[in-house]
Amino acid sequence: MDKITRYDNTDGSKTYVFFCPGCKDLHPFDKRWTFNNNFQKPTFTPSLLCNQHDPETRCHSFVTDGRIQFLGDCHHELAGQTVDLHNVEDWWK
């Protein structure tokens, strides 16, 4: 099962998304990140910072080998922890 899903945009670019178990929502990344193209054990760099200007919803993480490392500035209870990524398909069911 894949941890990341790819969307082909109308302009030909690609957007990738994964389920964030801390935010309980999808987080996107695109060609600005370096991605290993492994959908089961994804790694991309640099870190992903969602909602950087809103401390109440901020999520900051690294994704390496299919695991998500949440940094201390995340708003949710997984801040400072590293957990396995969920299967994207499981979240959509």
N, C-alpha and C. Protein backbone atom coordinates (compact mmCIF):
# COMPACT_ATOMS: atom_id res chain seq x y z
N MET A 1 0.83 -1.18 0.00
CA MET A 1 0.00 0.00 0.00
C MET A 1 0.88 1.25 0.00
N ASP A 2 0.45 2.24 -0.73
CA ASP A 2 1.22 3.47 -0.88
C ASP A 2 1.00 4.43 0.28
N LYS A 3 2.06 5.10 0.66
CA LYS A 3 2.01 6.13 1.70
C LYS A 3 1.82 7.51 1.09
N ILE A 4 2.07 7.61 -0.22
CA ILE A 4 1.98 8.88 -0.95
C ILE A 4 1.16 8.64 -2.21
N THR A 5 0.38 9.64 -2.59
CA THR A 5 -0.38 9.61 -3.84
C THR A 5 0.04 10.78 -4.70
N ARG A 6 0.08 10.56 -6.01
CA ARG A 6 0.47 11.61 -6.95
C ARG A 6 -0.76 12.09 -7.72
N TYR A 7 -0.82 13.39 -7.91
CA TYR A 7 -1.83 14.02 -8.75
C TYR A 7 -1.14 14.70 -9.91
N ASP A 8 -1.63 14.48 -11.11
CA ASP A 8 -1.12 15.18 -12.28
C ASP A 8 -1.97 16.43 -12.48
N ASN A 9 -1.34 17.58 -12.38
CA ASN A 9 -2.05 18.85 -12.53
C ASN A 9 -2.27 19.18 -14.00
N THR A 10 -3.21 20.06 -14.27
CA THR A 10 -3.56 20.42 -15.65
C THR A 10 -2.41 21.07 -16.39
N ASP A 11 -1.47 21.68 -15.66
CA ASP A 11 -0.32 22.32 -16.31
C ASP A 11 0.83 21.34 -16.55
N GLY A 12 0.62 20.06 -16.24
CA GLY A 12 1.65 19.05 -16.45
C GLY A 12 2.54 18.80 -15.23
N SER A 13 2.42 19.63 -14.22
CA SER A 13 3.21 19.42 -13.01
C SER A 13 2.56 18.33 -12.14
N LYS A 14 3.28 17.90 -11.14
CA LYS A 14 2.79 16.85 -10.25
C LYS A 14 2.74 17.37 -8.82
N THR A 15 1.72 16.98 -8.11
CA THR A 15 1.60 17.24 -6.68
C THR A 15 1.47 15.90 -5.98
N TYR A 16 2.17 15.73 -4.89
CA TYR A 16 2.12 14.52 -4.09
C TYR A 16 1.45 14.86 -2.76
N VAL A 17 0.70 13.92 -2.21
CA VAL A 17 0.07 14.13 -0.90
C VAL A 17 0.27 12.90 -0.03
N PHE A 18 0.31 13.14 1.27
CA PHE A 18 0.34 12.06 2.25
C PHE A 18 -0.57 12.44 3.41
N PHE A 19 -1.03 11.43 4.13
CA PHE A 19 -1.88 11.66 5.29
C PHE A 19 -1.03 11.96 6.51
N CYS A 20 -1.32 13.06 7.17
CA CYS A 20 -0.61 13.45 8.39
C CYS A 20 -1.43 12.97 9.59
N PRO A 21 -0.90 12.02 10.37
CA PRO A 21 -1.66 11.53 11.52
C PRO A 21 -1.77 12.55 12.66
N GLY A 22 -0.93 13.56 12.66
CA GLY A 22 -1.03 14.61 13.67
C GLY A 22 -2.16 15.58 13.37
N CYS A 23 -2.23 16.04 12.13
CA CYS A 23 -3.28 16.98 11.72
C CYS A 23 -4.57 16.27 11.30
N LYS A 24 -4.44 14.96 11.00
CA LYS A 24 -5.55 14.16 10.51
C LYS A 24 -6.10 14.75 9.21
N ASP A 25 -5.15 15.10 8.34
CA ASP A 25 -5.47 15.72 7.06
C ASP A 25 -4.34 15.40 6.08
N LEU A 26 -4.57 15.72 4.81
CA LEU A 26 -3.55 15.52 3.79
C LEU A 26 -2.61 16.72 3.74
N HIS A 27 -1.32 16.44 3.51
CA HIS A 27 -0.31 17.49 3.30
C HIS A 27 0.28 17.29 1.90
N PRO A 28 0.38 18.37 1.12
CA PRO A 28 0.95 18.27 -0.23
C PRO A 28 2.42 18.69 -0.27
N PHE A 29 3.12 18.16 -1.27
CA PHE A 29 4.44 18.67 -1.64
C PHE A 29 4.58 18.50 -3.15
N ASP A 30 5.52 19.22 -3.74
CA ASP A 30 5.63 19.21 -5.21
C ASP A 30 7.10 19.24 -5.63
N LYS A 31 7.37 19.70 -6.82
CA LYS A 31 8.71 19.64 -7.40
C LYS A 31 9.74 20.50 -6.65
N ARG A 32 9.30 21.34 -5.75
CA ARG A 32 10.25 22.12 -4.95
C ARG A 32 11.02 21.23 -3.97
N TRP A 33 10.50 20.04 -3.69
CA TRP A 33 11.14 19.09 -2.80
C TRP A 33 11.83 18.00 -3.62
N THR A 34 12.90 17.46 -3.10
CA THR A 34 13.55 16.31 -3.70
C THR A 34 12.86 15.07 -3.16
N PHE A 35 12.36 14.21 -4.05
CA PHE A 35 11.58 13.04 -3.66
C PHE A 35 12.24 11.79 -4.23
N ASN A 36 12.33 10.72 -3.45
CA ASN A 36 12.98 9.49 -3.89
C ASN A 36 12.10 8.62 -4.79
N ASN A 37 10.87 9.04 -5.06
CA ASN A 37 9.91 8.32 -5.92
C ASN A 37 9.56 6.93 -5.40
N ASN A 38 9.72 6.71 -4.12
CA ASN A 38 9.31 5.46 -3.50
C ASN A 38 7.99 5.72 -2.76
N PHE A 39 6.91 5.19 -3.27
CA PHE A 39 5.59 5.48 -2.72
C PHE A 39 5.28 4.66 -1.47
N GLN A 40 6.06 3.61 -1.20
CA GLN A 40 5.87 2.81 0.01
C GLN A 40 6.78 3.27 1.15
N LYS A 41 7.99 3.74 0.84
CA LYS A 41 8.93 4.25 1.84
C LYS A 41 9.47 5.59 1.36
N PRO A 42 8.58 6.59 1.31
CA PRO A 42 8.99 7.88 0.76
C PRO A 42 9.99 8.62 1.64
N THR A 43 10.86 9.35 0.94
CA THR A 43 11.76 10.31 1.57
C THR A 43 11.72 11.55 0.70
N PHE A 44 11.51 12.69 1.33
CA PHE A 44 11.65 13.94 0.58
C PHE A 44 12.29 14.99 1.47
N THR A 45 13.00 15.90 0.82
CA THR A 45 13.69 16.97 1.52
C THR A 45 13.50 18.27 0.76
N PRO A 46 13.57 19.39 1.42
CA PRO A 46 13.80 19.59 2.84
C PRO A 46 12.54 19.28 3.65
N SER A 47 12.49 19.79 4.87
CA SER A 47 11.31 19.58 5.72
C SER A 47 10.08 20.23 5.08
N LEU A 48 8.92 19.82 5.57
CA LEU A 48 7.65 20.38 5.11
C LEU A 48 7.05 21.18 6.25
N LEU A 49 6.77 22.44 6.00
CA LEU A 49 6.18 23.33 7.00
C LEU A 49 4.83 23.78 6.50
N CYS A 50 3.77 23.30 7.14
CA CYS A 50 2.40 23.68 6.77
C CYS A 50 1.88 24.71 7.76
N ASN A 51 1.20 25.72 7.24
CA ASN A 51 0.59 26.77 8.06
C ASN A 51 1.60 27.48 8.95
N GLN A 52 2.72 27.87 8.35
CA GLN A 52 3.81 28.44 9.14
C GLN A 52 3.45 29.69 9.91
N HIS A 53 2.48 30.47 9.45
CA HIS A 53 2.14 31.72 10.11
C HIS A 53 1.01 31.58 11.12
N ASP A 54 0.55 30.34 11.37
CA ASP A 54 -0.54 30.12 12.31
C ASP A 54 -0.12 29.06 13.33
N PRO A 55 0.38 29.47 14.49
CA PRO A 55 0.87 28.51 15.47
C PRO A 55 -0.17 27.49 15.93
N GLU A 56 -1.45 27.82 15.82
CA GLU A 56 -2.50 26.90 16.26
C GLU A 56 -2.74 25.75 15.29
N THR A 57 -2.24 25.86 14.04
CA THR A 57 -2.40 24.78 13.06
C THR A 57 -1.08 24.39 12.40
N ARG A 58 0.04 24.94 12.85
CA ARG A 58 1.34 24.67 12.24
C ARG A 58 1.72 23.20 12.37
N CYS A 59 2.29 22.66 11.29
CA CYS A 59 2.81 21.31 11.28
C CYS A 59 4.14 21.34 10.54
N HIS A 60 5.18 20.84 11.17
CA HIS A 60 6.53 20.90 10.61
C HIS A 60 7.15 19.52 10.76
N SER A 61 7.60 18.96 9.63
CA SER A 61 8.07 17.57 9.69
C SER A 61 9.09 17.25 8.61
N PHE A 62 9.80 16.15 8.84
CA PHE A 62 10.64 15.50 7.85
C PHE A 62 10.01 14.15 7.54
N VAL A 63 10.05 13.72 6.29
CA VAL A 63 9.60 12.38 5.92
C VAL A 63 10.81 11.63 5.38
N THR A 64 11.14 10.51 6.04
CA THR A 64 12.31 9.72 5.69
C THR A 64 11.97 8.24 5.80
N ASP A 65 12.19 7.50 4.72
CA ASP A 65 11.98 6.04 4.69
C ASP A 65 10.60 5.63 5.20
N GLY A 66 9.57 6.39 4.83
CA GLY A 66 8.21 6.04 5.20
C GLY A 66 7.82 6.40 6.62
N ARG A 67 8.64 7.19 7.28
CA ARG A 67 8.34 7.64 8.64
C ARG A 67 8.31 9.16 8.67
N ILE A 68 7.46 9.70 9.52
CA ILE A 68 7.34 11.15 9.62
C ILE A 68 7.84 11.59 11.00
N GLN A 69 8.82 12.49 10.96
CA GLN A 69 9.40 13.03 12.19
C GLN A 69 8.80 14.42 12.39
N PHE A 70 7.99 14.55 13.42
CA PHE A 70 7.37 15.83 13.72
C PHE A 70 8.31 16.67 14.57
N LEU A 71 8.51 17.90 14.17
CA LEU A 71 9.39 18.80 14.91
C LEU A 71 8.62 19.44 16.07
N GLY A 72 9.34 20.06 16.96
CA GLY A 72 8.76 20.60 18.19
C GLY A 72 7.81 21.76 18.01
N ASP A 73 7.81 22.39 16.82
CA ASP A 73 6.92 23.54 16.62
C ASP A 73 5.56 23.14 16.05
N CYS A 74 5.24 21.85 16.02
CA CYS A 74 3.92 21.39 15.57
C CYS A 74 2.87 21.72 16.64
N HIS A 75 1.65 21.94 16.21
CA HIS A 75 0.57 22.27 17.13
C HIS A 75 -0.04 21.04 17.80
N HIS A 76 0.15 19.86 17.25
CA HIS A 76 -0.59 18.68 17.70
C HIS A 76 0.21 17.81 18.67
N GLU A 77 -0.46 16.76 19.15
CA GLU A 77 0.10 15.90 20.20
C GLU A 77 1.28 15.04 19.73
N LEU A 78 1.54 14.97 18.43
CA LEU A 78 2.67 14.19 17.93
C LEU A 78 3.95 15.00 17.79
N ALA A 79 3.93 16.26 18.19
CA ALA A 79 5.14 17.11 18.15
C ALA A 79 6.27 16.42 18.89
N GLY A 80 7.45 16.37 18.25
CA GLY A 80 8.62 15.76 18.87
C GLY A 80 8.70 14.25 18.71
N GLN A 81 7.72 13.63 18.03
CA GLN A 81 7.71 12.18 17.85
C GLN A 81 7.97 11.80 16.40
N THR A 82 8.37 10.55 16.18
CA THR A 82 8.52 9.99 14.85
C THR A 82 7.61 8.77 14.76
N VAL A 83 6.77 8.74 13.72
CA VAL A 83 5.80 7.64 13.55
C VAL A 83 5.79 7.19 12.09
N ASP A 84 5.28 6.00 11.86
CA ASP A 84 5.12 5.50 10.50
C ASP A 84 4.04 6.28 9.77
N LEU A 85 4.25 6.51 8.49
CA LEU A 85 3.19 7.10 7.67
C LEU A 85 2.07 6.09 7.50
N HIS A 86 0.85 6.58 7.41
CA HIS A 86 -0.32 5.74 7.16
C HIS A 86 -0.46 5.51 5.67
N ASN A 87 -1.14 4.43 5.30
CA ASN A 87 -1.49 4.23 3.91
C ASN A 87 -2.53 5.26 3.49
N VAL A 88 -2.29 5.93 2.40
CA VAL A 88 -3.20 6.98 1.94
C VAL A 88 -4.59 6.41 1.68
N GLU A 89 -4.66 5.21 1.10
CA GLU A 89 -5.94 4.60 0.76
C GLU A 89 -6.79 4.35 2.01
N ASP A 90 -6.15 3.98 3.13
CA ASP A 90 -6.88 3.73 4.37
C ASP A 90 -7.58 4.98 4.86
N TRP A 91 -6.95 6.13 4.66
CA TRP A 91 -7.54 7.37 5.14
C TRP A 91 -8.78 7.75 4.33
N TRP A 92 -8.75 7.45 3.01
CA TRP A 92 -9.86 7.84 2.15
C TRP A 92 -11.07 6.93 2.27
N LYS A 93 -10.94 5.77 2.91
CA LYS A 93 -12.08 4.83 3.03
C LYS A 93 -13.06 5.29 4.07
